[in-house]
Structures are given as structure tokens and as C-alpha cells.
Amino acid sequence: MSAAPVVFLDRDGTLIREREQPPRSAADVEFLGRSIEALAELRGAGLRLVMVTNQSAIARGWLRYEEFEAVQAVLREALARQGVALDATYFCPHHPSEGYAPYRRRCECRKPGDALLRRAAQEHGLDLERAWMIGDALRDLEAGARVGARGILVATGKGEREARRLEQAARAKLRLAADLRAAATLVLEDLRRAPGERQGK
């Protein structure tokens, strides 16, 4: 079986609204506009969908693992009602300098580290030559770039603020989309191009 193209996506600020406190239950989960529709379009085009999320609130003691899993269950159920499923979710519970053992430590899985993306590729037979990373933080795009994925920064969450941090020349090279649905459109356009014509390659 040949390796499959994949979209890696961030969670908070990309798929669901980012809040001051981490979501702990269904009441805290709000899908950003058109985000489920975006995943349905990507899935319909034959792309695999893998969530990769930093969850340092676990290290800091703000969020219990069981609460994180409860929110993930809410996400899966909401997506399933629309006929969409993620292939996998990978998360990093660590923080390099804050929180409590065993989660306070330096690791390669916390984005911009790429360990979770590489693990996903190995475990799910993903084609990193045909990979995209969508997120609302520059560290998301950096993690993707380390494995060769084309990055798209969404303006939702902290994306617009992140883009303003860049020098003008760097900002001009950035692929910026209004939201996940707009990012999905860019991915699908990119997918239709011949390999030599793809942006970021």
C-alpha cells in the first residue's frame, strides 16, 4: 500500500476556539466557523487527518489527563455526527520549565519539535512529501517544516498576532488563511497542482 497524503492540524485556535482556560468538558468546546466542513472536504479528497496538539496545561496542573480525553471524546462525537473522523490524535503534555514531574521536561514532541509528526507518519503510513500543517502558531508551521510539510497559518486563535511578529519579508512568504475552511481550500488547490508547481517545495 502506498503512503497516504496527510493534513496535520492543530486543535486550540485552529479547530476549536482557544480560551483562557483549557477546555475540560463539552460546555467548553466551540468549533470555529466552518471547521468541521473543512475537515469533511479534506477527507472527501482522500487526505488523512491527524491532530497534533501541545497540551502543557497538563504539565502545569491546570488540566487532568482525564479531562483532556473527555474533550477529545466530545470532538470525535461531534465530527462523527457530520460523517468525519480523524485518523489519529497526538498530544504533548510536557513543558520544558514549568509544572510538575514527570511532565516538566524538555522533549521533542512539543511543537515546534517534530517527533509527533514523525511518529504519526511511521504508525499510519503517511507520505510526508504530500503533507500539510495547519495551525494558528508559527511553532505549528515550524514543526511541519521540519518534516517537509507545507504550512498554512490560520488567522483564527493567535494566528493574526503571530503573523504580525514577523518581519515584512518573512510575512510575505507566509501562507495565511482566514480560517480552517480557507486553509482547506489552499490545500485542495495545492493538491491539484503538478508536484513541481506546488508552493513551498
C-alpha atoms as a PDB file:
ATOM      1  CA  MET A   1       0.000   0.000   0.000  1.00  0.00           C
ATOM      2  CA  SER A   2       1.372   3.430  -0.952  1.00  0.00           C
ATOM      3  CA  ALA A   3       1.836   6.142   1.661  1.00  0.00           C
ATOM      4  CA  ALA A   4      -1.110   8.497   2.049  1.00  0.00           C
ATOM      5  CA  PRO A   5      -1.178  12.305   1.857  1.00  0.00           C
ATOM      6  CA  VAL A   6      -1.956  13.958   5.177  1.00  0.00           C
ATOM      7  CA  VAL A   7      -3.042  17.180   6.802  1.00  0.00           C
ATOM      8  CA  PHE A   8      -1.637  17.697  10.279  1.00  0.00           C
ATOM      9  CA  LEU A   9      -3.727  20.168  12.221  1.00  0.00           C
ATOM     10  CA  ASP A  10      -3.523  21.994  15.492  1.00  0.00           C
ATOM     11  CA  ARG A  11      -6.523  21.970  17.857  1.00  0.00           C
ATOM     12  CA  ASP A  12      -6.967  25.083  20.027  1.00  0.00           C
ATOM     13  CA  GLY A  13      -7.313  28.209  17.923  1.00  0.00           C
ATOM     14  CA  THR A  14      -7.474  26.194  14.714  1.00  0.00           C
ATOM     15  CA  LEU A  15     -10.299  23.672  15.042  1.00  0.00           C
ATOM     16  CA  ILE A  16     -11.922  24.929  18.243  1.00  0.00           C
ATOM     17  CA  ARG A  17     -11.925  28.318  19.935  1.00  0.00           C
ATOM     18  CA  GLU A  18      -8.968  28.896  22.246  1.00  0.00           C
ATOM     19  CA  ARG A  19      -9.936  30.052  25.730  1.00  0.00           C
ATOM     20  CA  GLU A  20      -8.055  31.496  28.665  1.00  0.00           C
ATOM     21  CA  GLN A  21      -8.524  28.188  30.494  1.00  0.00           C
ATOM     22  CA  PRO A  22      -8.136  24.810  28.770  1.00  0.00           C
ATOM     23  CA  PRO A  23     -11.414  23.106  27.814  1.00  0.00           C
ATOM     24  CA  ARG A  24     -12.473  20.418  30.278  1.00  0.00           C
ATOM     25  CA  SER A  25     -15.963  19.409  29.142  1.00  0.00           C
ATOM     26  CA  ALA A  26     -18.476  19.678  26.307  1.00  0.00           C
ATOM     27  CA  ALA A  27     -19.553  23.100  27.580  1.00  0.00           C
ATOM     28  CA  ASP A  28     -16.056  24.441  26.870  1.00  0.00           C
ATOM     29  CA  VAL A  29     -15.895  23.210  23.265  1.00  0.00           C
ATOM     30  CA  GLU A  30     -16.829  25.605  20.481  1.00  0.00           C
ATOM     31  CA  PHE A  31     -15.927  24.666  16.926  1.00  0.00           C
ATOM     32  CA  LEU A  32     -14.681  27.602  14.916  1.00  0.00           C
ATOM     33  CA  GLY A  33     -16.884  28.547  11.980  1.00  0.00           C
ATOM     34  CA  ARG A  34     -16.746  26.126   9.041  1.00  0.00           C
ATOM     35  CA  SER A  35     -14.036  23.996  10.646  1.00  0.00           C
ATOM     36  CA  ILE A  36     -15.997  20.731  10.532  1.00  0.00           C
ATOM     37  CA  GLU A  37     -16.961  21.453   6.943  1.00  0.00           C
ATOM     38  CA  ALA A  38     -13.289  21.977   6.153  1.00  0.00           C
ATOM     39  CA  LEU A  39     -12.342  18.574   7.556  1.00  0.00           C
ATOM     40  CA  ALA A  40     -15.133  16.946   5.575  1.00  0.00           C
ATOM     41  CA  GLU A  41     -13.782  18.476   2.365  1.00  0.00           C
ATOM     42  CA  LEU A  42     -10.243  17.334   3.094  1.00  0.00           C
ATOM     43  CA  ARG A  43     -11.424  13.839   3.963  1.00  0.00           C
ATOM     44  CA  GLY A  44     -13.528  13.736   0.801  1.00  0.00           C
ATOM     45  CA  ALA A  45     -10.401  14.476  -1.236  1.00  0.00           C
ATOM     46  CA  GLY A  46      -8.719  11.386   0.198  1.00  0.00           C
ATOM     47  CA  LEU A  47      -6.476  13.131   2.714  1.00  0.00           C
ATOM     48  CA  ARG A  48      -5.663  11.659   6.087  1.00  0.00           C
ATOM     49  CA  LEU A  49      -6.325  13.909   9.090  1.00  0.00           C
ATOM     50  CA  VAL A  50      -4.031  13.881  12.115  1.00  0.00           C
ATOM     51  CA  MET A  51      -4.347  16.256  15.056  1.00  0.00           C
ATOM     52  CA  VAL A  52      -1.100  17.302  16.742  1.00  0.00           C
ATOM     53  CA  THR A  53      -1.555  19.460  19.830  1.00  0.00           C
ATOM     54  CA  ASN A  54       0.554  20.871  22.660  1.00  0.00           C
ATOM     55  CA  GLN A  55      -1.207  20.429  25.997  1.00  0.00           C
ATOM     56  CA  SER A  56       1.232  21.868  28.522  1.00  0.00           C
ATOM     57  CA  ALA A  57      -1.738  22.620  30.806  1.00  0.00           C
ATOM     58  CA  ILE A  58      -1.312  19.000  31.906  1.00  0.00           C
ATOM     59  CA  ALA A  59       2.272  19.676  32.996  1.00  0.00           C
ATOM     60  CA  ARG A  60       1.219  22.852  34.757  1.00  0.00           C
ATOM     61  CA  GLY A  61      -1.513  21.072  36.684  1.00  0.00           C
ATOM     62  CA  TRP A  62      -4.296  23.109  35.064  1.00  0.00           C
ATOM     63  CA  LEU A  63      -5.764  20.107  33.253  1.00  0.00           C
ATOM     64  CA  ARG A  64      -6.036  16.452  34.152  1.00  0.00           C
ATOM     65  CA  TYR A  65      -5.382  13.807  31.541  1.00  0.00           C
ATOM     66  CA  GLU A  66      -8.927  12.509  32.028  1.00  0.00           C
ATOM     67  CA  GLU A  67     -10.318  15.971  31.230  1.00  0.00           C
ATOM     68  CA  PHE A  68      -8.253  16.156  28.053  1.00  0.00           C
ATOM     69  CA  GLU A  69      -9.586  12.755  26.996  1.00  0.00           C
ATOM     70  CA  ALA A  70     -13.164  13.834  27.774  1.00  0.00           C
ATOM     71  CA  VAL A  71     -12.806  16.822  25.455  1.00  0.00           C
ATOM     72  CA  GLN A  72     -11.312  14.618  22.758  1.00  0.00           C
ATOM     73  CA  ALA A  73     -14.347  12.340  23.042  1.00  0.00           C
ATOM     74  CA  VAL A  74     -16.621  15.374  22.559  1.00  0.00           C
ATOM     75  CA  LEU A  75     -14.672  16.308  19.428  1.00  0.00           C
ATOM     76  CA  ARG A  76     -14.844  12.796  18.000  1.00  0.00           C
ATOM     77  CA  GLU A  77     -18.582  12.572  18.595  1.00  0.00           C
ATOM     78  CA  ALA A  78     -19.275  15.980  17.051  1.00  0.00           C
ATOM     79  CA  LEU A  79     -17.224  15.114  13.984  1.00  0.00           C
ATOM     80  CA  ALA A  80     -18.829  11.691  13.685  1.00  0.00           C
ATOM     81  CA  ARG A  81     -22.283  13.301  13.553  1.00  0.00           C
ATOM     82  CA  GLN A  82     -21.081  15.074  10.403  1.00  0.00           C
ATOM     83  CA  GLY A  83     -19.544  11.915   8.956  1.00  0.00           C
ATOM     84  CA  VAL A  84     -15.963  12.962   9.665  1.00  0.00           C
ATOM     85  CA  ALA A  85     -13.255  11.137  11.598  1.00  0.00           C
ATOM     86  CA  LEU A  86      -9.673  11.944  12.491  1.00  0.00           C
ATOM     87  CA  ASP A  87      -7.172   9.219  11.739  1.00  0.00           C
ATOM     88  CA  ALA A  88      -5.305   9.933  14.961  1.00  0.00           C
ATOM     89  CA  THR A  89      -4.577  12.477  17.660  1.00  0.00           C
ATOM     90  CA  TYR A  90      -1.136  13.029  19.144  1.00  0.00           C
ATOM     91  CA  PHE A  91      -0.507  15.362  22.048  1.00  0.00           C
ATOM     92  CA  CYS A  92       2.400  16.611  24.102  1.00  0.00           C
ATOM     93  CA  PRO A  93       1.688  17.056  27.837  1.00  0.00           C
ATOM     94  CA  HIS A  94       5.135  18.463  28.632  1.00  0.00           C
ATOM     95  CA  HIS A  95       6.568  21.883  29.419  1.00  0.00           C
ATOM     96  CA  PRO A  96      10.331  22.490  29.459  1.00  0.00           C
ATOM     97  CA  SER A  97      10.439  24.716  32.547  1.00  0.00           C
ATOM     98  CA  GLU A  98       7.048  24.854  34.279  1.00  0.00           C
ATOM     99  CA  GLY A  99       4.844  22.370  36.068  1.00  0.00           C
ATOM    100  CA  TYR A 100       5.430  19.073  37.773  1.00  0.00           C
ATOM    101  CA  ALA A 101       7.228  15.782  37.210  1.00  0.00           C
ATOM    102  CA  PRO A 102       7.082  13.710  35.114  1.00  0.00           C
ATOM    103  CA  TYR A 103       5.749  16.285  32.645  1.00  0.00           C
ATOM    104  CA  ARG A 104       8.191  19.118  33.333  1.00  0.00           C
ATOM    105  CA  ARG A 105      10.958  18.250  30.947  1.00  0.00           C
ATOM    106  CA  ARG A 106      12.437  19.098  27.592  1.00  0.00           C
ATOM    107  CA  CYS A 107      11.141  16.874  24.830  1.00  0.00           C
ATOM    108  CA  GLU A 108      10.997  16.542  21.076  1.00  0.00           C
ATOM    109  CA  CYS A 109       7.227  16.083  20.958  1.00  0.00           C
ATOM    110  CA  ARG A 110       6.330  19.651  21.981  1.00  0.00           C
ATOM    111  CA  LYS A 111       5.890  21.735  18.828  1.00  0.00           C
ATOM    112  CA  PRO A 112       7.996  23.126  17.215  1.00  0.00           C
ATOM    113  CA  GLY A 113       9.539  19.712  17.771  1.00  0.00           C
ATOM    114  CA  ASP A 114       8.598  17.213  15.079  1.00  0.00           C
ATOM    115  CA  ALA A 115       8.604  13.911  16.988  1.00  0.00           C
ATOM    116  CA  LEU A 116       4.814  13.519  16.976  1.00  0.00           C
ATOM    117  CA  LEU A 117       4.553  14.179  13.245  1.00  0.00           C
ATOM    118  CA  ARG A 118       7.267  11.634  12.502  1.00  0.00           C
ATOM    119  CA  ARG A 119       5.635   9.124  14.818  1.00  0.00           C
ATOM    120  CA  ALA A 120       2.291   9.614  13.083  1.00  0.00           C
ATOM    121  CA  ALA A 121       3.889   9.122   9.680  1.00  0.00           C
ATOM    122  CA  GLN A 122       5.509   5.877  10.787  1.00  0.00           C
ATOM    123  CA  GLU A 123       2.446   4.484  12.546  1.00  0.00           C
ATOM    124  CA  HIS A 124      -0.077   5.412   9.865  1.00  0.00           C
ATOM    125  CA  GLY A 125       1.874   5.145   6.633  1.00  0.00           C
ATOM    126  CA  LEU A 126       1.766   8.853   5.810  1.00  0.00           C
ATOM    127  CA  ASP A 127       3.509  10.485   2.872  1.00  0.00           C
ATOM    128  CA  LEU A 128       5.468  13.441   4.218  1.00  0.00           C
ATOM    129  CA  GLU A 129       6.178  14.534   0.633  1.00  0.00           C
ATOM    130  CA  ARG A 130       2.442  15.212   0.406  1.00  0.00           C
ATOM    131  CA  ALA A 131       1.854  16.693   3.847  1.00  0.00           C
ATOM    132  CA  TRP A 132       0.428  19.961   5.093  1.00  0.00           C
ATOM    133  CA  MET A 133       0.456  21.527   8.544  1.00  0.00           C
ATOM    134  CA  ILE A 134      -2.346  23.913   9.530  1.00  0.00           C
ATOM    135  CA  GLY A 135      -2.175  25.857  12.767  1.00  0.00           C
ATOM    136  CA  ASP A 136      -2.567  29.254  14.412  1.00  0.00           C
ATOM    137  CA  ALA A 137       1.012  29.473  15.705  1.00  0.00           C
ATOM    138  CA  LEU A 138       4.369  29.778  13.992  1.00  0.00           C
ATOM    139  CA  ARG A 139       5.601  26.826  16.055  1.00  0.00           C
ATOM    140  CA  ASP A 140       2.983  24.674  14.290  1.00  0.00           C
ATOM    141  CA  LEU A 141       4.403  25.630  10.916  1.00  0.00           C
ATOM    142  CA  GLU A 142       7.964  25.120  12.130  1.00  0.00           C
ATOM    143  CA  ALA A 143       7.143  21.594  13.266  1.00  0.00           C
ATOM    144  CA  GLY A 144       5.639  20.900   9.861  1.00  0.00           C
ATOM    145  CA  ALA A 145       8.585  22.380   8.008  1.00  0.00           C
ATOM    146  CA  ARG A 146      10.956  20.052   9.848  1.00  0.00           C
ATOM    147  CA  VAL A 147       9.287  17.047   8.212  1.00  0.00           C
ATOM    148  CA  GLY A 148       8.825  18.749   4.836  1.00  0.00           C
ATOM    149  CA  ALA A 149       5.153  19.670   5.240  1.00  0.00           C
ATOM    150  CA  ARG A 150       3.764  22.814   3.637  1.00  0.00           C
ATOM    151  CA  GLY A 151       2.467  25.169   6.301  1.00  0.00           C
ATOM    152  CA  ILE A 152      -0.640  27.334   6.454  1.00  0.00           C
ATOM    153  CA  LEU A 153      -1.200  29.790   9.299  1.00  0.00           C
ATOM    154  CA  VAL A 154      -4.846  30.449  10.127  1.00  0.00           C
ATOM    155  CA  ALA A 155      -5.820  33.918  11.365  1.00  0.00           C
ATOM    156  CA  THR A 156      -8.108  32.427  13.998  1.00  0.00           C
ATOM    157  CA  GLY A 157      -6.751  31.951  17.510  1.00  0.00           C
ATOM    158  CA  LYS A 158      -3.425  33.747  17.762  1.00  0.00           C
ATOM    159  CA  GLY A 159      -2.585  33.440  14.070  1.00  0.00           C
ATOM    160  CA  GLU A 160      -3.054  37.070  13.113  1.00  0.00           C
ATOM    161  CA  ARG A 161      -0.939  38.195  16.068  1.00  0.00           C
ATOM    162  CA  GLU A 162       1.723  35.644  15.172  1.00  0.00           C
ATOM    163  CA  ALA A 163       1.896  36.923  11.595  1.00  0.00           C
ATOM    164  CA  ARG A 164       2.443  40.487  12.828  1.00  0.00           C
ATOM    165  CA  ARG A 165       5.511  39.315  14.756  1.00  0.00           C
ATOM    166  CA  LEU A 166       7.339  38.573  11.516  1.00  0.00           C
ATOM    167  CA  GLU A 167       9.463  40.932   9.501  1.00  0.00           C
ATOM    168  CA  GLN A 168       7.761  42.070   6.310  1.00  0.00           C
ATOM    169  CA  ALA A 169       9.889  39.825   4.077  1.00  0.00           C
ATOM    170  CA  ALA A 170       9.085  36.735   6.141  1.00  0.00           C
ATOM    171  CA  ARG A 171       5.415  37.680   6.345  1.00  0.00           C
ATOM    172  CA  ALA A 172       5.243  37.972   2.558  1.00  0.00           C
ATOM    173  CA  LYS A 173       6.323  34.329   2.246  1.00  0.00           C
ATOM    174  CA  LEU A 174       3.768  33.115   4.764  1.00  0.00           C
ATOM    175  CA  ARG A 175       0.690  31.262   3.609  1.00  0.00           C
ATOM    176  CA  LEU A 176      -2.084  32.831   5.651  1.00  0.00           C
ATOM    177  CA  ALA A 177      -5.741  31.776   5.604  1.00  0.00           C
ATOM    178  CA  ALA A 178      -8.723  33.356   7.332  1.00  0.00           C
ATOM    179  CA  ASP A 179      -9.774  30.095   8.974  1.00  0.00           C
ATOM    180  CA  LEU A 180      -9.570  26.324   8.639  1.00  0.00           C
ATOM    181  CA  ARG A 181     -12.050  26.261   5.759  1.00  0.00           C
ATOM    182  CA  ALA A 182      -9.959  28.758   3.791  1.00  0.00           C
ATOM    183  CA  ALA A 183      -6.840  26.737   4.602  1.00  0.00           C
ATOM    184  CA  ALA A 184      -8.553  23.590   3.313  1.00  0.00           C
ATOM    185  CA  THR A 185      -9.215  25.379   0.022  1.00  0.00           C
ATOM    186  CA  LEU A 186      -5.498  26.167  -0.271  1.00  0.00           C
ATOM    187  CA  VAL A 187      -4.608  22.540   0.428  1.00  0.00           C
ATOM    188  CA  LEU A 188      -7.014  21.249  -2.199  1.00  0.00           C
ATOM    189  CA  GLU A 189      -5.707  23.740  -4.765  1.00  0.00           C
ATOM    190  CA  ASP A 190      -2.166  22.682  -3.922  1.00  0.00           C
ATOM    191  CA  LEU A 191      -3.093  19.025  -4.250  1.00  0.00           C
ATOM    192  CA  ARG A 192      -4.366  19.575  -7.777  1.00  0.00           C
ATOM    193  CA  ARG A 193      -1.099  21.118  -8.914  1.00  0.00           C
ATOM    194  CA  ALA A 194       1.650  19.090 -10.514  1.00  0.00           C
ATOM    195  CA  PRO A 195       4.397  18.275  -7.973  1.00  0.00           C
ATOM    196  CA  GLY A 196       6.827  20.789  -9.477  1.00  0.00           C
ATOM    197  CA  GLU A 197       4.288  23.583  -9.243  1.00  0.00           C
ATOM    198  CA  ARG A 198       3.435  23.185  -5.536  1.00  0.00           C
ATOM    199  CA  GLN A 199       4.161  26.088  -3.255  1.00  0.00           C
ATOM    200  CA  GLY A 200       6.754  25.673  -0.573  1.00  0.00           C
ATOM    201  CA  LYS A 201       8.608  22.878  -2.349  1.00  0.00           C
END
